């Protein structure tokens, strides 16, 4: 038997962390609590780390391409690729540094929030 009064009103209790507490019917038997799967990793932060790794790889590749401009070899890229690389690196490199710094500050903030003394 469900507690129709509370379900109809939509009243939900929350615990000290802001999580919803499962409603308990005082007249019915207790059901085993269904397991809730909670994601421990923020997928947006993971995507930002992957993007940052890609930008770092691009910067290393760009510096390697600039170094290859010193002399023509079989592995050196074309002049058009070198031009595009040299035009984009001045914008990608600061962006990479900013994304890395922002992610590190975010992780520090989350750690501080998790280990705050009360």
C-alpha atoms as a PDB file:
ATOM      1  CA  UNK A   1       0.000   0.000   0.000  1.00  0.00           C
ATOM      2  CA  UNK A   2       1.483   3.300  -1.059  1.00  0.00           C
ATOM      3  CA  UNK A   3       1.327   6.456   0.945  1.00  0.00           C
ATOM      4  CA  UNK A   4      -1.078   8.231  -1.406  1.00  0.00           C
ATOM      5  CA  UNK A   5      -1.203  11.467   0.561  1.00  0.00           C
ATOM      6  CA  UNK A   6       2.500  12.186   0.205  1.00  0.00           C
ATOM      7  CA  UNK A   7       2.712  10.963  -3.398  1.00  0.00           C
ATOM      8  CA  UNK A   8      -0.200  13.126  -4.464  1.00  0.00           C
ATOM      9  CA  UNK A   9       1.247  16.251  -2.844  1.00  0.00           C
ATOM     10  CA  UNK A  10       4.727  15.589  -4.217  1.00  0.00           C
ATOM     11  CA  UNK A  11       6.418  16.247  -0.865  1.00  0.00           C
ATOM     12  CA  UNK A  12      10.010  15.031  -0.719  1.00  0.00           C
ATOM     13  CA  UNK A  13      12.363  15.122   2.237  1.00  0.00           C
ATOM     14  CA  UNK A  14      16.024  15.835   1.734  1.00  0.00           C
ATOM     15  CA  UNK A  15      19.037  14.913   3.822  1.00  0.00           C
ATOM     16  CA  UNK A  16      21.841  17.210   4.973  1.00  0.00           C
ATOM     17  CA  UNK A  17      23.586  16.885   1.589  1.00  0.00           C
ATOM     18  CA  UNK A  18      20.533  17.888  -0.456  1.00  0.00           C
ATOM     19  CA  UNK A  19      19.780  14.365  -1.707  1.00  0.00           C
ATOM     20  CA  UNK A  20      16.184  13.170  -1.841  1.00  0.00           C
ATOM     21  CA  UNK A  21      15.232  10.721   0.894  1.00  0.00           C
ATOM     22  CA  UNK A  22      13.034   7.818  -0.120  1.00  0.00           C
ATOM     23  CA  UNK A  23       9.522   8.128   1.311  1.00  0.00           C
ATOM     24  CA  UNK A  24       8.628   5.484   3.881  1.00  0.00           C
ATOM     25  CA  UNK A  25       5.082   4.299   4.378  1.00  0.00           C
ATOM     26  CA  UNK A  26       4.489   3.851   8.126  1.00  0.00           C
ATOM     27  CA  UNK A  27       1.626   1.388   7.480  1.00  0.00           C
ATOM     28  CA  UNK A  28       3.391  -0.839   4.970  1.00  0.00           C
ATOM     29  CA  UNK A  29       6.340  -3.160   5.022  1.00  0.00           C
ATOM     30  CA  UNK A  30       9.770  -1.882   4.058  1.00  0.00           C
ATOM     31  CA  UNK A  31      10.917  -2.724   0.565  1.00  0.00           C
ATOM     32  CA  UNK A  32      14.591  -3.221  -0.016  1.00  0.00           C
ATOM     33  CA  UNK A  33      15.972  -0.005  -1.376  1.00  0.00           C
ATOM     34  CA  UNK A  34      16.666  -0.132  -5.052  1.00  0.00           C
ATOM     35  CA  UNK A  35      20.277   0.520  -5.898  1.00  0.00           C
ATOM     36  CA  UNK A  36      20.845   3.926  -7.410  1.00  0.00           C
ATOM     37  CA  UNK A  37      23.739   4.299  -9.719  1.00  0.00           C
ATOM     38  CA  UNK A  38      25.510   7.565  -9.192  1.00  0.00           C
ATOM     39  CA  UNK A  39      28.099   8.802 -11.625  1.00  0.00           C
ATOM     40  CA  UNK A  40      31.263   9.691  -9.747  1.00  0.00           C
ATOM     41  CA  UNK A  41      32.960  11.388 -12.686  1.00  0.00           C
ATOM     42  CA  UNK A  42      31.626  14.499 -14.363  1.00  0.00           C
ATOM     43  CA  UNK A  43      31.520  13.685 -18.106  1.00  0.00           C
ATOM     44  CA  UNK A  44      31.974  17.342 -19.064  1.00  0.00           C
ATOM     45  CA  UNK A  45      35.224  17.532 -17.107  1.00  0.00           C
ATOM     46  CA  UNK A  46      36.418  14.318 -18.775  1.00  0.00           C
ATOM     47  CA  UNK A  47      35.588  15.836 -22.174  1.00  0.00           C
ATOM     48  CA  UNK A  48      37.542  18.975 -21.257  1.00  0.00           C
ATOM     49  CA  UNK A  49      40.577  16.889 -20.254  1.00  0.00           C
ATOM     50  CA  UNK A  50      40.388  15.021 -23.576  1.00  0.00           C
ATOM     51  CA  UNK A  51      40.092  18.322 -25.454  1.00  0.00           C
ATOM     52  CA  UNK A  52      43.033  19.716 -23.493  1.00  0.00           C
ATOM     53  CA  UNK A  53      45.142  16.647 -24.288  1.00  0.00           C
ATOM     54  CA  UNK A  54      44.284  17.090 -27.970  1.00  0.00           C
ATOM     55  CA  UNK A  55      45.310  20.743 -27.868  1.00  0.00           C
ATOM     56  CA  UNK A  56      48.594  19.880 -26.151  1.00  0.00           C
ATOM     57  CA  UNK A  57      49.238  17.225 -28.800  1.00  0.00           C
ATOM     58  CA  UNK A  58      48.494  19.786 -31.533  1.00  0.00           C
ATOM     59  CA  UNK A  59      50.961  22.249 -30.013  1.00  0.00           C
ATOM     60  CA  UNK A  60      53.702  19.613 -29.859  1.00  0.00           C
ATOM     61  CA  UNK A  61      52.940  18.606 -33.427  1.00  0.00           C
ATOM     62  CA  UNK A  62      53.028  22.248 -34.500  1.00  0.00           C
ATOM     63  CA  UNK A  63      56.413  22.825 -32.894  1.00  0.00           C
ATOM     64  CA  UNK A  64      57.681  19.671 -34.607  1.00  0.00           C
ATOM     65  CA  UNK A  65      56.337  20.971 -37.934  1.00  0.00           C
ATOM     66  CA  UNK A  66      58.089  24.307 -37.416  1.00  0.00           C
ATOM     67  CA  UNK A  67      61.325  22.485 -36.633  1.00  0.00           C
ATOM     68  CA  UNK A  68      60.926  20.480 -39.848  1.00  0.00           C
ATOM     69  CA  UNK A  69      60.836  23.732 -41.840  1.00  0.00           C
ATOM     70  CA  UNK A  70      64.583  24.073 -41.309  1.00  0.00           C
ATOM     71  CA  UNK A  71      65.253  21.652 -44.113  1.00  0.00           C
ATOM     72  CA  UNK A  72      63.115  19.739 -46.608  1.00  0.00           C
ATOM     73  CA  UNK A  73      62.809  16.052 -45.787  1.00  0.00           C
ATOM     74  CA  UNK A  74      60.456  13.333 -46.886  1.00  0.00           C
ATOM     75  CA  UNK A  75      58.438  13.758 -43.699  1.00  0.00           C
ATOM     76  CA  UNK A  76      58.158  17.547 -43.641  1.00  0.00           C
ATOM     77  CA  UNK A  77      54.658  18.932 -44.223  1.00  0.00           C
ATOM     78  CA  UNK A  78      53.755  21.177 -47.127  1.00  0.00           C
ATOM     79  CA  UNK A  79      54.071  24.967 -47.015  1.00  0.00           C
ATOM     80  CA  UNK A  80      50.288  25.371 -46.700  1.00  0.00           C
ATOM     81  CA  UNK A  81      50.163  23.146 -43.624  1.00  0.00           C
ATOM     82  CA  UNK A  82      53.063  25.036 -42.075  1.00  0.00           C
ATOM     83  CA  UNK A  83      51.298  28.339 -42.718  1.00  0.00           C
ATOM     84  CA  UNK A  84      48.050  27.136 -41.094  1.00  0.00           C
ATOM     85  CA  UNK A  85      49.955  25.758 -38.140  1.00  0.00           C
ATOM     86  CA  UNK A  86      51.909  28.954 -37.600  1.00  0.00           C
ATOM     87  CA  UNK A  87      48.695  30.987 -37.816  1.00  0.00           C
ATOM     88  CA  UNK A  88      46.795  28.865 -35.277  1.00  0.00           C
ATOM     89  CA  UNK A  89      49.428  28.104 -32.633  1.00  0.00           C
ATOM     90  CA  UNK A  90      49.436  31.631 -31.123  1.00  0.00           C
ATOM     91  CA  UNK A  91      45.736  31.142 -30.292  1.00  0.00           C
ATOM     92  CA  UNK A  92      45.767  27.458 -29.384  1.00  0.00           C
ATOM     93  CA  UNK A  93      48.686  27.618 -26.969  1.00  0.00           C
ATOM     94  CA  UNK A  94      47.147  30.222 -24.591  1.00  0.00           C
ATOM     95  CA  UNK A  95      43.818  28.418 -24.886  1.00  0.00           C
ATOM     96  CA  UNK A  96      45.468  25.188 -23.810  1.00  0.00           C
ATOM     97  CA  UNK A  97      47.111  26.901 -20.851  1.00  0.00           C
ATOM     98  CA  UNK A  98      43.804  28.495 -19.810  1.00  0.00           C
ATOM     99  CA  UNK A  99      41.840  25.235 -20.090  1.00  0.00           C
ATOM    100  CA  UNK A 100      44.476  23.384 -18.056  1.00  0.00           C
ATOM    101  CA  UNK A 101      44.528  26.108 -15.386  1.00  0.00           C
ATOM    102  CA  UNK A 102      40.714  26.207 -15.227  1.00  0.00           C
ATOM    103  CA  UNK A 103      40.508  22.441 -14.846  1.00  0.00           C
ATOM    104  CA  UNK A 104      43.147  22.419 -12.130  1.00  0.00           C
ATOM    105  CA  UNK A 105      41.339  25.199 -10.242  1.00  0.00           C
ATOM    106  CA  UNK A 106      38.065  23.289 -10.599  1.00  0.00           C
ATOM    107  CA  UNK A 107      39.675  20.123  -9.190  1.00  0.00           C
ATOM    108  CA  UNK A 108      41.194  22.126  -6.329  1.00  0.00           C
ATOM    109  CA  UNK A 109      37.802  23.681  -5.556  1.00  0.00           C
ATOM    110  CA  UNK A 110      36.114  20.264  -5.566  1.00  0.00           C
ATOM    111  CA  UNK A 111      38.821  18.847  -3.308  1.00  0.00           C
ATOM    112  CA  UNK A 112      38.512  21.798  -0.927  1.00  0.00           C
ATOM    113  CA  UNK A 113      34.738  21.411  -0.832  1.00  0.00           C
ATOM    114  CA  UNK A 114      35.066  17.688  -0.154  1.00  0.00           C
ATOM    115  CA  UNK A 115      37.670  18.104   2.617  1.00  0.00           C
ATOM    116  CA  UNK A 116      36.261  21.195   4.280  1.00  0.00           C
ATOM    117  CA  UNK A 117      36.343  21.138   8.049  1.00  0.00           C
ATOM    118  CA  UNK A 118      33.021  21.700   9.738  1.00  0.00           C
END
